[in-house]
Amino acid sequence: MKQGGAEKGKRILEIAVPRVEASQSVREAEAEEVQEVSPPVEAVVAPRVEIHSTVQFDLKAADYRVKHVLDPITLVGEQFRRLRAILSLMQKQRGIKALLVTSACPGEGKTFAACSLAGVLAQEPGRRVLLVDADLRKPRAEKQVGMKADAGTVTGLSEVLRGEIDIMDSIAGSLGGDLFLLPAGKIPANPSELLSSPILEKSLKMASSAFDWVVIDSPPVLALSDASVMAPVVDAILLVVQAAVTPSKLVKEATSRLGPQKICGVVMNRVKYLRASHYYYHYYHDKERG
C-alpha cells in the first residue's frame, strides 16, 4: 500500500517492525499532530480491577510471535513500544482508552497486532489492560495469548451482550500480569445484531473506567459489518494492512466505512525489509561484547 492509502493529507509516522516469521511495520499519527488536535486531557487513574471469574491464561503459553513481541530486547518488541509511546501521548491529549483494531480484509494480521499491542501496553508499570475478543465469528485472541480453553467454551462477550452475565464476571486474568482478557464466548448466530446492542457501549464504558486501556480485536471491515457497528462506540481505531498486498482502494474504502476521524493510525504488516535492523543488531551485540 502506498502512503496515500490512509486519510489523504494526514501526516503519518512510519514505524517498522522486523520479521517474527513475517515482518511488520507500524504507522501512527505524528506526536506533533496530536498536540494540534486537542488540548491536554487530565489523566484519570483507573480504580483497582476486581475480577470475579476464576478463568486465567498464561502468556508463557502464548503464540510464539506474540511472545517475541513481549521480549524486551527484540526489534519487533521495540517497534510496538514505540507505538505504545505514541498512543500514550494520544491518550494524554485526547483521553482515548477504547481502541479498536481491525483490517480491511481477512488474513492481514489484526489479531496478532491487537494481542501484541495489548501485551506491550500491559508491560508498562501500573497499567492494566483489557483485551476484548470481539470477533464473534472466528475468535482467535484467546489462543494467541495462551488461554488453554477452546474458543467458545468459556463465557465472554456474547453472553455479556445477551445480558446473561456482567462484563466483570467474564474477564480472565493473566498469571502474574496486568493483561486481562474478555473472551468472545459462545459463537452466536447473529453477531452483528448482538454488537448493535446498547449493552456494548455500556460495557465498554464500564471497562474503560476500570482499565487504563481497552484493546478490541474485531472482524475485517470490508467482509463484515461488525467493525463498522462498533466504530461509533470506541475512542479510536487502528487499521491493519498487509504491506504490498492490500490495494490502496480497499484501504480507502475501509477508512470511509469506519470514519476517517476515528482512525488514529495504520499498522503495516509483513514489511520485508527494515533499514533499522542492522543498526539495532549491532547496538545490542556490541553492548553484549562490551
Protein backbone atom coordinates (compact mmCIF):
# COMPACT_ATOMS: atom_id res chain seq x y z
CA MET A 1 0.00 0.00 0.00
CA LYS A 2 1.30 3.44 -0.83
CA GLN A 3 1.47 6.14 1.82
CA GLY A 4 -1.60 7.84 0.37
CA GLY A 5 -3.79 4.89 1.35
CA ALA A 6 -4.68 6.40 4.71
CA GLU A 7 -6.61 9.60 5.16
CA LYS A 8 -5.48 12.00 2.41
CA GLY A 9 -3.18 14.76 3.55
CA LYS A 10 -2.67 13.30 7.02
CA ARG A 11 0.94 13.16 8.16
CA ILE A 12 1.97 9.65 9.11
CA LEU A 13 4.99 8.44 11.06
CA GLU A 14 6.22 5.05 9.82
CA ILE A 15 7.42 2.66 12.50
CA ALA A 16 8.94 -0.51 11.03
CA VAL A 17 8.60 -3.82 12.85
CA PRO A 18 11.03 -6.59 11.78
CA ARG A 19 10.29 -10.20 10.94
CA VAL A 20 8.99 -12.57 13.57
CA GLU A 21 8.09 -15.02 10.89
CA ALA A 22 6.78 -12.36 8.54
CA SER A 23 7.82 -8.81 9.36
CA GLN A 24 5.66 -5.93 10.33
CA SER A 25 5.78 -2.16 10.34
CA VAL A 26 3.61 0.30 12.15
CA ARG A 27 2.29 3.68 11.05
CA GLU A 28 0.86 6.13 13.51
CA ALA A 29 -0.12 9.79 13.53
CA GLU A 30 2.73 12.12 14.45
CA ALA A 31 3.03 13.34 18.01
CA GLU A 32 3.01 16.96 16.80
CA GLU A 33 -0.28 16.44 15.04
CA VAL A 34 -1.81 15.09 18.24
CA GLN A 35 -0.86 18.31 20.01
CA GLU A 36 -2.62 20.34 17.33
CA VAL A 37 -5.87 18.40 17.54
CA SER A 38 -6.95 18.96 21.12
CA PRO A 39 -5.74 20.37 24.46
CA PRO A 40 -4.32 18.02 27.12
CA VAL A 41 -6.81 15.86 29.00
CA GLU A 42 -6.35 15.40 32.72
CA ALA A 43 -5.19 11.84 33.43
CA VAL A 44 -7.60 9.66 35.38
CA VAL A 45 -6.19 6.73 37.36
CA ALA A 46 -8.27 3.60 36.82
CA PRO A 47 -9.58 2.04 40.05
CA ARG A 48 -8.35 -1.40 41.07
CA VAL A 49 -9.89 -4.11 38.90
CA GLU A 50 -11.94 -6.67 40.79
CA ILE A 51 -12.09 -9.82 38.66
CA HIS A 52 -14.74 -12.32 39.69
CA SER A 53 -14.01 -15.00 37.11
CA THR A 54 -11.64 -17.84 38.06
CA VAL A 55 -10.52 -18.36 34.45
CA GLN A 56 -6.87 -17.47 33.83
CA PHE A 57 -4.38 -17.62 31.00
CA ASP A 58 -0.59 -17.80 30.88
CA LEU A 59 1.39 -15.61 28.48
CA LYS A 60 4.18 -18.21 28.63
CA ALA A 61 1.84 -20.36 26.51
CA ALA A 62 1.06 -17.53 24.06
CA ASP A 63 1.69 -17.75 20.32
CA TYR A 64 5.44 -17.56 19.71
CA ARG A 65 5.04 -14.39 17.62
CA VAL A 66 3.31 -12.60 20.49
CA LYS A 67 5.98 -13.82 22.92
CA HIS A 68 8.64 -12.47 20.58
CA VAL A 69 6.97 -9.04 20.69
CA LEU A 70 6.89 -9.17 24.50
CA ASP A 71 10.62 -9.93 24.67
CA PRO A 72 12.20 -6.66 25.91
CA ILE A 73 15.27 -6.81 23.64
CA THR A 74 13.74 -7.71 20.27
CA LEU A 75 13.40 -5.17 17.48
CA VAL A 76 9.81 -6.20 16.84
CA GLY A 77 9.02 -5.52 20.50
CA GLU A 78 10.77 -2.17 20.33
CA GLN A 79 8.54 -1.06 17.47
CA PHE A 80 5.41 -1.93 19.42
CA ARG A 81 6.81 0.02 22.37
CA ARG A 82 7.25 3.00 20.05
CA LEU A 83 3.62 2.58 19.11
CA ARG A 84 2.76 2.43 22.82
CA ALA A 85 4.58 5.72 23.40
CA ILE A 86 2.65 7.45 20.61
CA LEU A 87 -0.69 6.06 21.80
CA SER A 88 0.11 7.14 25.37
CA LEU A 89 0.63 10.67 24.12
CA MET A 90 -2.68 10.47 22.27
CA GLN A 91 -4.30 9.30 25.48
CA LYS A 92 -2.96 12.34 27.33
CA GLN A 93 -4.10 14.69 24.57
CA ARG A 94 -7.43 13.13 23.60
CA GLY A 95 -8.36 10.93 26.54
CA ILE A 96 -8.62 7.78 24.39
CA LYS A 97 -8.90 4.40 26.12
CA ALA A 98 -11.04 2.07 23.97
CA LEU A 99 -9.03 1.18 20.85
CA LEU A 100 -10.50 -0.93 18.05
CA VAL A 101 -8.03 -2.97 15.96
CA THR A 102 -9.33 -4.16 12.59
CA SER A 103 -8.27 -4.71 8.98
CA ALA A 104 -9.68 -4.11 5.54
CA CYS A 105 -9.58 -7.80 4.54
CA PRO A 106 -9.13 -11.18 6.28
CA GLY A 107 -5.63 -12.52 6.88
CA GLU A 108 -3.82 -9.22 7.41
CA GLY A 109 -2.71 -9.88 11.00
CA LYS A 110 -5.15 -7.79 13.02
CA THR A 111 -5.43 -10.36 15.86
CA PHE A 112 -1.63 -10.60 16.14
CA ALA A 113 -1.41 -6.80 16.23
CA ALA A 114 -4.19 -6.48 18.83
CA CYS A 115 -2.74 -9.15 21.14
CA SER A 116 0.82 -7.84 20.79
CA LEU A 117 -0.22 -4.25 21.41
CA ALA A 118 -2.32 -5.20 24.45
CA GLY A 119 0.59 -7.20 25.88
CA VAL A 120 3.08 -4.36 25.38
CA LEU A 121 0.68 -1.80 26.88
CA ALA A 122 0.33 -4.06 29.94
CA GLN A 123 4.13 -4.20 30.38
CA GLU A 124 4.14 -0.52 31.35
CA PRO A 125 4.30 -0.35 35.18
CA GLY A 126 0.96 0.32 36.83
CA ARG A 127 -1.05 -0.06 33.61
CA ARG A 128 -3.98 -2.51 33.50
CA VAL A 129 -5.10 -3.52 30.03
CA LEU A 130 -8.20 -5.37 28.84
CA LEU A 131 -8.07 -7.26 25.55
CA VAL A 132 -11.55 -7.88 24.12
CA ASP A 133 -12.09 -10.62 21.55
CA ALA A 134 -14.96 -9.09 19.58
CA ASP A 135 -14.51 -11.34 16.56
CA LEU A 136 -17.62 -13.33 17.35
CA ARG A 137 -17.36 -15.34 14.12
CA LYS A 138 -13.76 -16.56 14.25
CA PRO A 139 -12.37 -15.78 17.72
CA ARG A 140 -8.59 -16.23 17.90
CA ALA A 141 -7.34 -13.88 20.59
CA GLU A 142 -7.77 -16.47 23.37
CA LYS A 143 -5.31 -18.86 21.76
CA GLN A 144 -2.91 -16.06 20.81
CA VAL A 145 -2.43 -15.03 24.46
CA GLY A 146 -2.21 -18.56 25.84
CA MET A 147 -5.69 -19.44 27.08
CA LYS A 148 -5.96 -23.23 27.19
CA ALA A 149 -9.74 -23.40 26.79
CA ASP A 150 -11.00 -23.68 23.21
CA ALA A 151 -12.69 -20.62 21.73
CA GLY A 152 -16.39 -20.59 22.54
CA THR A 153 -16.12 -22.85 25.60
CA VAL A 154 -15.89 -20.09 28.22
CA THR A 155 -18.33 -17.28 28.86
CA GLY A 156 -17.45 -13.96 27.31
CA LEU A 157 -18.64 -11.09 25.16
CA SER A 158 -21.56 -13.00 23.60
CA GLU A 159 -23.06 -13.74 26.99
CA VAL A 160 -22.43 -10.16 28.15
CA LEU A 161 -24.26 -8.74 25.10
CA ARG A 162 -27.18 -11.10 25.65
CA GLY A 163 -27.47 -9.79 29.21
CA GLU A 164 -26.72 -13.19 30.74
CA ILE A 165 -23.67 -12.12 32.71
CA ASP A 166 -21.93 -8.94 33.83
CA ILE A 167 -18.73 -7.99 31.99
CA MET A 168 -16.64 -8.02 35.17
CA ASP A 169 -17.71 -11.61 35.80
CA SER A 170 -16.46 -12.70 32.36
CA ILE A 171 -12.94 -11.30 32.38
CA ALA A 172 -9.98 -13.67 32.65
CA GLY A 173 -6.71 -12.57 34.21
CA SER A 174 -3.14 -13.39 33.17
CA LEU A 175 -0.94 -15.24 35.64
CA GLY A 176 1.20 -12.67 37.40
CA GLY A 177 0.47 -9.85 34.95
CA ASP A 178 -1.70 -6.82 34.27
CA LEU A 179 -3.18 -8.09 31.00
CA PHE A 180 -6.81 -9.20 31.14
CA LEU A 181 -8.99 -10.86 28.53
CA LEU A 182 -12.69 -10.79 27.72
CA PRO A 183 -13.13 -13.90 25.54
CA ALA A 184 -15.59 -13.98 22.65
CA GLY A 185 -17.79 -16.50 24.40
CA LYS A 186 -20.06 -18.90 22.56
CA ILE A 187 -20.19 -18.14 18.83
CA PRO A 188 -23.66 -16.65 18.20
CA ALA A 189 -25.92 -16.99 15.18
CA ASN A 190 -26.38 -13.20 14.97
CA PRO A 191 -23.06 -11.43 15.70
CA SER A 192 -23.94 -8.10 14.06
CA GLU A 193 -27.23 -7.84 15.93
CA LEU A 194 -25.52 -8.61 19.24
CA LEU A 195 -22.83 -5.99 18.62
CA SER A 196 -25.55 -3.43 17.85
CA SER A 197 -26.91 -3.86 21.37
CA PRO A 198 -26.68 -0.80 23.66
CA ILE A 199 -25.12 -3.20 26.18
CA LEU A 200 -21.88 -2.98 24.17
CA GLU A 201 -21.47 0.75 24.72
CA LYS A 202 -22.42 0.41 28.38
CA SER A 203 -19.93 -2.46 28.86
CA LEU A 204 -17.10 -0.59 27.13
CA LYS A 205 -17.70 2.45 29.32
CA MET A 206 -17.55 0.23 32.39
CA ALA A 207 -14.35 -1.39 31.14
CA SER A 208 -12.79 2.00 30.32
CA SER A 209 -13.44 3.16 33.87
CA ALA A 210 -11.75 0.06 35.33
CA PHE A 211 -8.79 -0.30 32.95
CA ASP A 212 -6.13 2.01 31.58
CA TRP A 213 -6.55 0.61 28.06
CA VAL A 214 -9.22 -1.47 26.31
CA VAL A 215 -7.96 -3.09 23.09
CA ILE A 216 -10.66 -4.65 20.92
CA ASP A 217 -9.97 -7.23 18.21
CA SER A 218 -12.77 -7.08 15.63
CA PRO A 219 -13.55 -8.76 12.27
CA PRO A 220 -12.35 -7.23 8.97
CA VAL A 221 -14.20 -4.15 7.78
CA LEU A 222 -14.99 -4.96 4.16
CA ALA A 223 -16.06 -8.57 4.66
CA LEU A 224 -18.49 -7.92 7.52
CA SER A 225 -20.42 -5.08 9.15
CA ASP A 226 -19.26 -5.84 12.72
CA ALA A 227 -16.36 -3.37 12.87
CA SER A 228 -18.48 -0.57 11.40
CA VAL A 229 -21.12 -1.27 14.04
CA MET A 230 -18.55 -0.95 16.84
CA ALA A 231 -16.73 2.09 15.43
CA PRO A 232 -19.09 4.72 16.93
CA VAL A 233 -18.65 3.40 20.49
CA VAL A 234 -14.83 3.29 20.60
CA ASP A 235 -12.39 6.16 21.06
CA ALA A 236 -10.03 5.39 18.17
CA ILE A 237 -9.23 2.77 15.52
CA LEU A 238 -6.01 1.16 14.30
CA LEU A 239 -6.29 -0.27 10.79
CA VAL A 240 -4.03 -3.24 9.97
CA VAL A 241 -2.90 -3.51 6.34
CA GLN A 242 -0.76 -6.17 4.67
CA ALA A 243 2.13 -4.34 3.03
CA ALA A 244 2.46 -4.64 -0.75
CA VAL A 245 -0.65 -6.84 -0.91
CA THR A 246 -3.73 -4.87 0.14
CA PRO A 247 -4.77 -2.47 -2.66
CA SER A 248 -4.91 1.18 -1.66
CA LYS A 249 -8.51 1.43 -2.88
CA LEU A 250 -9.57 -1.19 -0.33
CA VAL A 251 -7.80 0.70 2.45
CA LYS A 252 -9.57 3.88 1.39
CA GLU A 253 -12.91 2.07 1.33
CA ALA A 254 -12.30 0.63 4.80
CA THR A 255 -11.33 4.09 6.06
CA SER A 256 -14.53 5.54 4.60
CA ARG A 257 -16.71 2.91 6.24
CA LEU A 258 -15.11 3.32 9.66
CA GLY A 259 -14.99 7.12 9.54
CA PRO A 260 -11.63 8.81 8.86
CA GLN A 261 -11.91 10.91 12.02
CA LYS A 262 -11.79 7.75 14.17
CA ILE A 263 -8.66 6.24 12.60
CA CYS A 264 -5.58 7.18 14.59
CA GLY A 265 -3.11 5.12 12.56
CA VAL A 266 -2.34 2.28 10.17
CA VAL A 267 -0.35 -0.83 11.09
CA MET A 268 1.60 -2.00 8.04
CA ASN A 269 2.04 -5.77 8.39
CA ARG A 270 4.62 -8.06 6.75
CA VAL A 271 7.05 -5.47 5.51
CA LYS A 272 10.00 -7.39 4.06
CA TYR A 273 12.87 -5.03 4.74
CA LEU A 274 13.73 -2.92 7.75
CA ARG A 275 16.59 -0.45 7.41
CA ALA A 276 16.99 -0.07 11.19
CA SER A 277 17.53 -3.79 11.85
CA HIS A 278 21.26 -3.63 11.00
CA TYR A 279 21.89 -0.82 13.47
CA TYR A 280 19.73 -2.40 16.17
CA TYR A 281 21.57 -5.73 15.83
CA HIS A 282 25.00 -4.12 16.14
CA TYR A 283 23.90 -1.90 19.05
CA TYR A 284 22.84 -4.86 21.20
CA HIS A 285 25.62 -7.23 20.11
CA ASP A 286 28.29 -4.59 20.62
CA LYS A 287 26.77 -3.92 24.04
CA GLU A 288 26.96 -7.65 24.89
CA ARG A 289 30.58 -7.85 23.72
CA GLY A 290 31.45 -4.74 25.75
